[in-house]
Amino acid sequence: MACRMNSRLNDSSKEDDMAQYAGLQSVLNAVLGEYRSMGFRLIEDGDHFLKLYYQDGLLDVYNQARTPIIVIQNACKTYLGVLGAS
């Protein structure tokens, strides 16, 4: 089981890279990258959904088959911006 990135370097549509989650928490941790050490968690919920948490609070739920990695990372970045503004 592993995460496979669909790189679209030759695709003129320039869609964001998508992660194909294969059941490993380490893959979800890698999706978060540096945001994991800042208090974010990404947890599988059932067969099709991923839940994004900041500390103990649920921030969002994503369809794991249709959500680009950049969307999840941008959600973390945006939330940190909100925290910094308050």
PDB file of N, CA and C in Angstrom:
ATOM      1  N   MET A   1       0.845  -1.185   0.000  1.00  0.00           N
ATOM      2  CA  MET A   1       0.000   0.000   0.000  1.00  0.00           C
ATOM      3  C   MET A   1       0.885   1.240   0.000  1.00  0.00           C
ATOM      4  N   ALA A   2       0.483   2.204  -0.795  1.00  0.00           N
ATOM      5  CA  ALA A   2       1.285   3.421  -0.863  1.00  0.00           C
ATOM      6  C   ALA A   2       0.460   4.536  -1.458  1.00  0.00           C
ATOM      7  N   CYS A   3       1.045   5.710  -1.477  1.00  0.00           N
ATOM      8  CA  CYS A   3       0.414   6.874  -2.077  1.00  0.00           C
ATOM      9  C   CYS A   3       1.046   7.096  -3.438  1.00  0.00           C
ATOM     10  N   ARG A   4       0.240   7.234  -4.456  1.00  0.00           N
ATOM     11  CA  ARG A   4       0.752   7.484  -5.783  1.00  0.00           C
ATOM     12  C   ARG A   4       0.292   8.856  -6.227  1.00  0.00           C
ATOM     13  N   MET A   5       1.224   9.661  -6.658  1.00  0.00           N
ATOM     14  CA  MET A   5       0.886  10.991  -7.143  1.00  0.00           C
ATOM     15  C   MET A   5       0.671  10.920  -8.639  1.00  0.00           C
ATOM     16  N   ASN A   6      -0.421  11.502  -9.111  1.00  0.00           N
ATOM     17  CA  ASN A   6      -0.684  11.595 -10.539  1.00  0.00           C
ATOM     18  C   ASN A   6      -0.147  12.919 -11.026  1.00  0.00           C
ATOM     19  N   SER A   7       1.065  12.929 -11.497  1.00  0.00           N
ATOM     20  CA  SER A   7       1.660  14.166 -11.976  1.00  0.00           C
ATOM     21  C   SER A   7       1.151  14.444 -13.380  1.00  0.00           C
ATOM     22  N   ARG A   8       0.704  15.655 -13.605  1.00  0.00           N
ATOM     23  CA  ARG A   8       0.124  16.016 -14.886  1.00  0.00           C
ATOM     24  C   ARG A   8       1.020  17.026 -15.604  1.00  0.00           C
ATOM     25  N   LEU A   9       2.305  16.734 -15.705  1.00  0.00           N
ATOM     26  CA  LEU A   9       3.239  17.666 -16.304  1.00  0.00           C
ATOM     27  C   LEU A   9       2.947  17.910 -17.777  1.00  0.00           C
ATOM     28  N   ASN A  10       2.465  16.911 -18.467  1.00  0.00           N
ATOM     29  CA  ASN A  10       2.196  17.051 -19.889  1.00  0.00           C
ATOM     30  C   ASN A  10       0.730  17.325 -20.176  1.00  0.00           C
ATOM     31  N   ASP A  11      -0.067  17.515 -19.154  1.00  0.00           N
ATOM     32  CA  ASP A  11      -1.496  17.725 -19.297  1.00  0.00           C
ATOM     33  C   ASP A  11      -1.779  19.225 -19.357  1.00  0.00           C
ATOM     34  N   SER A  12      -2.395  19.654 -20.422  1.00  0.00           N
ATOM     35  CA  SER A  12      -2.649  21.089 -20.585  1.00  0.00           C
ATOM     36  C   SER A  12      -3.708  21.602 -19.627  1.00  0.00           C
ATOM     37  N   SER A  13      -4.477  20.725 -18.978  1.00  0.00           N
ATOM     38  CA  SER A  13      -5.499  21.170 -18.030  1.00  0.00           C
ATOM     39  C   SER A  13      -4.870  21.660 -16.728  1.00  0.00           C
ATOM     40  N   LYS A  14      -3.617  21.264 -16.448  1.00  0.00           N
ATOM     41  CA  LYS A  14      -2.870  21.692 -15.257  1.00  0.00           C
ATOM     42  C   LYS A  14      -3.642  21.469 -13.964  1.00  0.00           C
ATOM     43  N   GLU A  15      -4.292  20.324 -13.831  1.00  0.00           N
ATOM     44  CA  GLU A  15      -4.993  19.987 -12.589  1.00  0.00           C
ATOM     45  C   GLU A  15      -3.971  19.765 -11.489  1.00  0.00           C
ATOM     46  N   ASP A  16      -4.368  20.022 -10.247  1.00  0.00           N
ATOM     47  CA  ASP A  16      -3.496  19.798  -9.102  1.00  0.00           C
ATOM     48  C   ASP A  16      -3.221  18.316  -8.944  1.00  0.00           C
ATOM     49  N   ASP A  17      -2.068  18.013  -8.339  1.00  0.00           N
ATOM     50  CA  ASP A  17      -1.739  16.613  -8.060  1.00  0.00           C
ATOM     51  C   ASP A  17      -2.735  16.048  -7.063  1.00  0.00           C
ATOM     52  N   MET A  18      -3.068  14.791  -7.257  1.00  0.00           N
ATOM     53  CA  MET A  18      -4.012  14.109  -6.373  1.00  0.00           C
ATOM     54  C   MET A  18      -3.264  12.967  -5.688  1.00  0.00           C
ATOM     55  N   ALA A  19      -3.538  12.771  -4.420  1.00  0.00           N
ATOM     56  CA  ALA A  19      -2.973  11.639  -3.691  1.00  0.00           C
ATOM     57  C   ALA A  19      -3.991  10.517  -3.697  1.00  0.00           C
ATOM     58  N   GLN A  20      -3.531   9.326  -3.959  1.00  0.00           N
ATOM     59  CA  GLN A  20      -4.419   8.172  -3.857  1.00  0.00           C
ATOM     60  C   GLN A  20      -4.080   7.473  -2.554  1.00  0.00           C
ATOM     61  N   TYR A  21      -4.942   7.637  -1.580  1.00  0.00           N
ATOM     62  CA  TYR A  21      -4.724   7.107  -0.237  1.00  0.00           C
ATOM     63  C   TYR A  21      -4.946   5.608  -0.246  1.00  0.00           C
ATOM     64  N   ALA A  22      -4.004   4.895   0.332  1.00  0.00           N
ATOM     65  CA  ALA A  22      -4.071   3.441   0.320  1.00  0.00           C
ATOM     66  C   ALA A  22      -4.068   2.840   1.721  1.00  0.00           C
ATOM     67  N   GLY A  23      -4.569   3.567   2.719  1.00  0.00           N
ATOM     68  CA  GLY A  23      -4.746   2.992   4.034  1.00  0.00           C
ATOM     69  C   GLY A  23      -3.619   3.203   5.028  1.00  0.00           C
ATOM     70  N   LEU A  24      -2.646   4.017   4.723  1.00  0.00           N
ATOM     71  CA  LEU A  24      -1.538   4.228   5.645  1.00  0.00           C
ATOM     72  C   LEU A  24      -1.611   5.615   6.265  1.00  0.00           C
ATOM     73  N   GLN A  25      -1.564   5.687   7.597  1.00  0.00           N
ATOM     74  CA  GLN A  25      -1.587   6.978   8.272  1.00  0.00           C
ATOM     75  C   GLN A  25      -0.367   7.810   7.887  1.00  0.00           C
ATOM     76  N   SER A  26       0.746   7.164   7.598  1.00  0.00           N
ATOM     77  CA  SER A  26       1.952   7.895   7.211  1.00  0.00           C
ATOM     78  C   SER A  26       1.739   8.690   5.930  1.00  0.00           C
ATOM     79  N   VAL A  27       0.884   8.194   5.047  1.00  0.00           N
ATOM     80  CA  VAL A  27       0.564   8.919   3.812  1.00  0.00           C
ATOM     81  C   VAL A  27      -0.199  10.193   4.159  1.00  0.00           C
ATOM     82  N   LEU A  28      -1.159  10.091   5.071  1.00  0.00           N
ATOM     83  CA  LEU A  28      -1.929  11.263   5.478  1.00  0.00           C
ATOM     84  C   LEU A  28      -1.035  12.269   6.187  1.00  0.00           C
ATOM     85  N   ASN A  29      -0.098  11.786   6.996  1.00  0.00           N
ATOM     86  CA  ASN A  29       0.838  12.679   7.664  1.00  0.00           C
ATOM     87  C   ASN A  29       1.706  13.416   6.647  1.00  0.00           C
ATOM     88  N   ALA A  30       2.106  12.720   5.588  1.00  0.00           N
ATOM     89  CA  ALA A  30       2.925  13.343   4.546  1.00  0.00           C
ATOM     90  C   ALA A  30       2.145  14.411   3.788  1.00  0.00           C
ATOM     91  N   VAL A  31       0.855  14.201   3.605  1.00  0.00           N
ATOM     92  CA  VAL A  31       0.016  15.201   2.942  1.00  0.00           C
ATOM     93  C   VAL A  31       0.054  16.514   3.719  1.00  0.00           C
ATOM     94  N   LEU A  32       0.026  16.428   5.033  1.00  0.00           N
ATOM     95  CA  LEU A  32       0.047  17.634   5.863  1.00  0.00           C
ATOM     96  C   LEU A  32       1.403  18.325   5.852  1.00  0.00           C
ATOM     97  N   GLY A  33       2.452  17.562   5.647  1.00  0.00           N
ATOM     98  CA  GLY A  33       3.784  18.146   5.622  1.00  0.00           C
ATOM     99  C   GLY A  33       4.078  18.895   6.914  1.00  0.00           C
ATOM    100  N   GLU A  34       4.579  20.131   6.788  1.00  0.00           N
ATOM    101  CA  GLU A  34       4.966  20.933   7.954  1.00  0.00           C
ATOM    102  C   GLU A  34       3.784  21.280   8.856  1.00  0.00           C
ATOM    103  N   TYR A  35       2.579  21.230   8.312  1.00  0.00           N
ATOM    104  CA  TYR A  35       1.402  21.589   9.114  1.00  0.00           C
ATOM    105  C   TYR A  35       1.129  20.577  10.218  1.00  0.00           C
ATOM    106  N   ARG A  36       1.618  19.364  10.047  1.00  0.00           N
ATOM    107  CA  ARG A  36       1.423  18.339  11.078  1.00  0.00           C
ATOM    108  C   ARG A  36       2.083  18.768  12.389  1.00  0.00           C
ATOM    109  N   SER A  37       3.281  19.335  12.300  1.00  0.00           N
ATOM    110  CA  SER A  37       3.990  19.753  13.513  1.00  0.00           C
ATOM    111  C   SER A  37       3.380  21.011  14.130  1.00  0.00           C
ATOM    112  N   MET A  38       2.450  21.641  13.417  1.00  0.00           N
ATOM    113  CA  MET A  38       1.785  22.844  13.924  1.00  0.00           C
ATOM    114  C   MET A  38       0.446  22.536  14.584  1.00  0.00           C
ATOM    115  N   GLY A  39       0.103  21.240  14.677  1.00  0.00           N
ATOM    116  CA  GLY A  39      -1.118  20.861  15.374  1.00  0.00           C
ATOM    117  C   GLY A  39      -2.244  20.342  14.498  1.00  0.00           C
ATOM    118  N   PHE A  40      -2.004  20.169  13.201  1.00  0.00           N
ATOM    119  CA  PHE A  40      -3.040  19.649  12.306  1.00  0.00           C
ATOM    120  C   PHE A  40      -2.952  18.137  12.222  1.00  0.00           C
ATOM    121  N   ARG A  41      -4.103  17.502  12.073  1.00  0.00           N
ATOM    122  CA  ARG A  41      -4.189  16.052  11.889  1.00  0.00           C
ATOM    123  C   ARG A  41      -5.152  15.771  10.750  1.00  0.00           C
ATOM    124  N   LEU A  42      -4.851  14.753   9.964  1.00  0.00           N
ATOM    125  CA  LEU A  42      -5.729  14.294   8.896  1.00  0.00           C
ATOM    126  C   LEU A  42      -6.031  12.833   9.175  1.00  0.00           C
ATOM    127  N   ILE A  43      -7.300  12.521   9.373  1.00  0.00           N
ATOM    128  CA  ILE A  43      -7.729  11.185   9.805  1.00  0.00           C
ATOM    129  C   ILE A  43      -8.731  10.624   8.809  1.00  0.00           C
ATOM    130  N   GLU A  44      -8.570   9.350   8.474  1.00  0.00           N
ATOM    131  CA  GLU A  44      -9.526   8.682   7.602  1.00  0.00           C
ATOM    132  C   GLU A  44     -10.824   8.444   8.368  1.00  0.00           C
ATOM    133  N   ASP A  45     -11.949   8.702   7.706  1.00  0.00           N
ATOM    134  CA  ASP A  45     -13.272   8.447   8.282  1.00  0.00           C
ATOM    135  C   ASP A  45     -14.057   7.603   7.293  1.00  0.00           C
ATOM    136  N   GLY A  46     -14.087   6.319   7.541  1.00  0.00           N
ATOM    137  CA  GLY A  46     -14.770   5.421   6.620  1.00  0.00           C
ATOM    138  C   GLY A  46     -13.935   5.183   5.371  1.00  0.00           C
ATOM    139  N   ASP A  47     -14.595   4.810   4.296  1.00  0.00           N
ATOM    140  CA  ASP A  47     -13.893   4.470   3.067  1.00  0.00           C
ATOM    141  C   ASP A  47     -13.643   5.655   2.147  1.00  0.00           C
ATOM    142  N   HIS A  48     -14.342   6.753   2.346  1.00  0.00           N
ATOM    143  CA  HIS A  48     -14.292   7.806   1.341  1.00  0.00           C
ATOM    144  C   HIS A  48     -13.977   9.205   1.863  1.00  0.00           C
ATOM    145  N   PHE A  49     -13.832   9.366   3.154  1.00  0.00           N
ATOM    146  CA  PHE A  49     -13.703  10.711   3.699  1.00  0.00           C
ATOM    147  C   PHE A  49     -12.453  10.869   4.554  1.00  0.00           C
ATOM    148  N   LEU A  50     -11.920  12.084   4.541  1.00  0.00           N
ATOM    149  CA  LEU A  50     -10.800  12.468   5.387  1.00  0.00           C
ATOM    150  C   LEU A  50     -11.245  13.653   6.225  1.00  0.00           C
ATOM    151  N   LYS A  51     -10.931  13.630   7.507  1.00  0.00           N
ATOM    152  CA  LYS A  51     -11.276  14.734   8.397  1.00  0.00           C
ATOM    153  C   LYS A  51     -10.006  15.478   8.770  1.00  0.00           C
ATOM    154  N   LEU A  52     -10.066  16.803   8.637  1.00  0.00           N
ATOM    155  CA  LEU A  52      -8.952  17.661   9.001  1.00  0.00           C
ATOM    156  C   LEU A  52      -9.241  18.299  10.347  1.00  0.00           C
ATOM    157  N   TYR A  53      -8.327  18.095  11.292  1.00  0.00           N
ATOM    158  CA  TYR A  53      -8.458  18.645  12.640  1.00  0.00           C
ATOM    159  C   TYR A  53      -7.319  19.622  12.901  1.00  0.00           C
ATOM    160  N   TYR A  54      -7.619  20.639  13.695  1.00  0.00           N
ATOM    161  CA  TYR A  54      -6.574  21.464  14.291  1.00  0.00           C
ATOM    162  C   TYR A  54      -6.712  21.278  15.788  1.00  0.00           C
ATOM    163  N   GLN A  55      -5.657  20.746  16.392  1.00  0.00           N
ATOM    164  CA  GLN A  55      -5.679  20.325  17.785  1.00  0.00           C
ATOM    165  C   GLN A  55      -6.874  19.390  17.972  1.00  0.00           C
ATOM    166  N   ASP A  56      -7.887  19.748  18.753  1.00  0.00           N
ATOM    167  CA  ASP A  56      -9.018  18.839  18.933  1.00  0.00           C
ATOM    168  C   ASP A  56     -10.257  19.252  18.154  1.00  0.00           C
ATOM    169  N   GLY A  57     -10.158  20.328  17.371  1.00  0.00           N
ATOM    170  CA  GLY A  57     -11.332  20.828  16.654  1.00  0.00           C
ATOM    171  C   GLY A  57     -11.366  20.398  15.204  1.00  0.00           C
ATOM    172  N   LEU A  58     -12.520  19.912  14.771  1.00  0.00           N
ATOM    173  CA  LEU A  58     -12.730  19.516  13.375  1.00  0.00           C
ATOM    174  C   LEU A  58     -12.841  20.763  12.508  1.00  0.00           C
ATOM    175  N   LEU A  59     -12.011  20.843  11.465  1.00  0.00           N
ATOM    176  CA  LEU A  59     -12.036  21.987  10.559  1.00  0.00           C
ATOM    177  C   LEU A  59     -12.830  21.720   9.294  1.00  0.00           C
ATOM    178  N   ASP A  60     -12.650  20.505   8.722  1.00  0.00           N
ATOM    179  CA  ASP A  60     -13.308  20.218   7.448  1.00  0.00           C
ATOM    180  C   ASP A  60     -13.303  18.726   7.184  1.00  0.00           C
ATOM    181  N   VAL A  61     -14.145  18.315   6.248  1.00  0.00           N
ATOM    182  CA  VAL A  61     -14.219  16.929   5.805  1.00  0.00           C
ATOM    183  C   VAL A  61     -14.042  16.932   4.292  1.00  0.00           C
ATOM    184  N   TYR A  62     -13.222  16.021   3.789  1.00  0.00           N
ATOM    185  CA  TYR A  62     -12.903  15.961   2.367  1.00  0.00           C
ATOM    186  C   TYR A  62     -13.222  14.591   1.793  1.00  0.00           C
ATOM    187  N   ASN A  63     -13.585  14.562   0.518  1.00  0.00           N
ATOM    188  CA  ASN A  63     -13.723  13.322  -0.227  1.00  0.00           C
ATOM    189  C   ASN A  63     -12.311  12.913  -0.614  1.00  0.00           C
ATOM    190  N   GLN A  64     -11.853  11.771  -0.134  1.00  0.00           N
ATOM    191  CA  GLN A  64     -10.462  11.403  -0.344  1.00  0.00           C
ATOM    192  C   GLN A  64     -10.138  11.092  -1.794  1.00  0.00           C
ATOM    193  N   ALA A  65     -11.120  10.781  -2.608  1.00  0.00           N
ATOM    194  CA  ALA A  65     -10.856  10.468  -4.012  1.00  0.00           C
ATOM    195  C   ALA A  65     -10.823  11.709  -4.893  1.00  0.00           C
ATOM    196  N   ARG A  66     -11.347  12.825  -4.420  1.00  0.00           N
ATOM    197  CA  ARG A  66     -11.495  13.998  -5.274  1.00  0.00           C
ATOM    198  C   ARG A  66     -10.786  15.251  -4.786  1.00  0.00           C
ATOM    199  N   THR A  67     -10.111  15.179  -3.673  1.00  0.00           N
ATOM    200  CA  THR A  67      -9.524  16.384  -3.094  1.00  0.00           C
ATOM    201  C   THR A  67      -8.027  16.434  -3.367  1.00  0.00           C
ATOM    202  N   PRO A  68      -7.566  17.459  -4.082  1.00  0.00           N
ATOM    203  CA  PRO A  68      -6.127  17.614  -4.299  1.00  0.00           C
ATOM    204  C   PRO A  68      -5.409  17.945  -2.992  1.00  0.00           C
ATOM    205  N   ILE A  69      -4.177  17.522  -2.889  1.00  0.00           N
ATOM    206  CA  ILE A  69      -3.369  17.777  -1.701  1.00  0.00           C
ATOM    207  C   ILE A  69      -3.306  19.264  -1.400  1.00  0.00           C
ATOM    208  N   ILE A  70      -3.147  20.069  -2.428  1.00  0.00           N
ATOM    209  CA  ILE A  70      -2.999  21.509  -2.235  1.00  0.00           C
ATOM    210  C   ILE A  70      -4.223  22.118  -1.546  1.00  0.00           C
ATOM    211  N   VAL A  71      -5.393  21.557  -1.739  1.00  0.00           N
ATOM    212  CA  VAL A  71      -6.607  22.056  -1.091  1.00  0.00           C
ATOM    213  C   VAL A  71      -6.502  21.864   0.423  1.00  0.00           C
ATOM    214  N   ILE A  72      -6.031  20.716   0.840  1.00  0.00           N
ATOM    215  CA  ILE A  72      -5.886  20.432   2.271  1.00  0.00           C
ATOM    216  C   ILE A  72      -4.805  21.326   2.878  1.00  0.00           C
ATOM    217  N   GLN A  73      -3.694  21.468   2.184  1.00  0.00           N
ATOM    218  CA  GLN A  73      -2.622  22.329   2.685  1.00  0.00           C
ATOM    219  C   GLN A  73      -3.055  23.798   2.732  1.00  0.00           C
ATOM    220  N   ASN A  74      -3.810  24.237   1.747  1.00  0.00           N
ATOM    221  CA  ASN A  74      -4.316  25.619   1.753  1.00  0.00           C
ATOM    222  C   ASN A  74      -5.290  25.850   2.901  1.00  0.00           C
ATOM    223  N   ALA A  75      -6.069  24.824   3.253  1.00  0.00           N
ATOM    224  CA  ALA A  75      -6.985  24.949   4.391  1.00  0.00           C
ATOM    225  C   ALA A  75      -6.191  25.164   5.681  1.00  0.00           C
ATOM    226  N   CYS A  76      -5.083  24.455   5.823  1.00  0.00           N
ATOM    227  CA  CYS A  76      -4.230  24.636   7.000  1.00  0.00           C
ATOM    228  C   CYS A  76      -3.658  26.048   7.020  1.00  0.00           C
ATOM    229  N   LYS A  77      -3.144  26.480   5.894  1.00  0.00           N
ATOM    230  CA  LYS A  77      -2.552  27.822   5.794  1.00  0.00           C
ATOM    231  C   LYS A  77      -3.577  28.900   6.105  1.00  0.00           C
ATOM    232  N   THR A  78      -4.771  28.760   5.557  1.00  0.00           N
ATOM    233  CA  THR A  78      -5.843  29.731   5.788  1.00  0.00           C
ATOM    234  C   THR A  78      -6.217  29.766   7.253  1.00  0.00           C
ATOM    235  N   TYR A  79      -6.336  28.611   7.881  1.00  0.00           N
ATOM    236  CA  TYR A  79      -6.721  28.569   9.289  1.00  0.00           C
ATOM    237  C   TYR A  79      -5.665  29.221  10.168  1.00  0.00           C
ATOM    238  N   LEU A  80      -4.413  28.983   9.856  1.00  0.00           N
ATOM    239  CA  LEU A  80      -3.353  29.645  10.622  1.00  0.00           C
ATOM    240  C   LEU A  80      -3.415  31.156  10.445  1.00  0.00           C
ATOM    241  N   GLY A  81      -3.804  31.619   9.262  1.00  0.00           N
ATOM    242  CA  GLY A  81      -3.979  33.051   9.026  1.00  0.00           C
ATOM    243  C   GLY A  81      -5.100  33.622   9.869  1.00  0.00           C
ATOM    244  N   VAL A  82      -6.172  32.865   9.999  1.00  0.00           N
ATOM    245  CA  VAL A  82      -7.305  33.285  10.828  1.00  0.00           C
ATOM    246  C   VAL A  82      -6.870  33.382  12.282  1.00  0.00           C
ATOM    247  N   LEU A  83      -6.115  32.403  12.740  1.00  0.00           N
ATOM    248  CA  LEU A  83      -5.639  32.426  14.130  1.00  0.00           C
ATOM    249  C   LEU A  83      -4.714  33.619  14.376  1.00  0.00           C
ATOM    250  N   GLY A  84      -3.875  33.926  13.400  1.00  0.00           N
ATOM    251  CA  GLY A  84      -2.963  35.044  13.540  1.00  0.00           C
ATOM    252  C   GLY A  84      -3.653  36.383  13.512  1.00  0.00           C
ATOM    253  N   ALA A  85      -4.809  36.453  12.851  1.00  0.00           N
ATOM    254  CA  ALA A  85      -5.554  37.710  12.745  1.00  0.00           C
ATOM    255  C   ALA A  85      -6.405  37.994  13.975  1.00  0.00           C
ATOM    256  N   SER A  86      -6.637  36.960  14.791  1.00  0.00           N
ATOM    257  CA  SER A  86      -7.517  37.181  15.949  1.00  0.00           C
ATOM    258  C   SER A  86      -6.765  37.530  17.197  1.00  0.00           C
TER     259      SER A  86
END
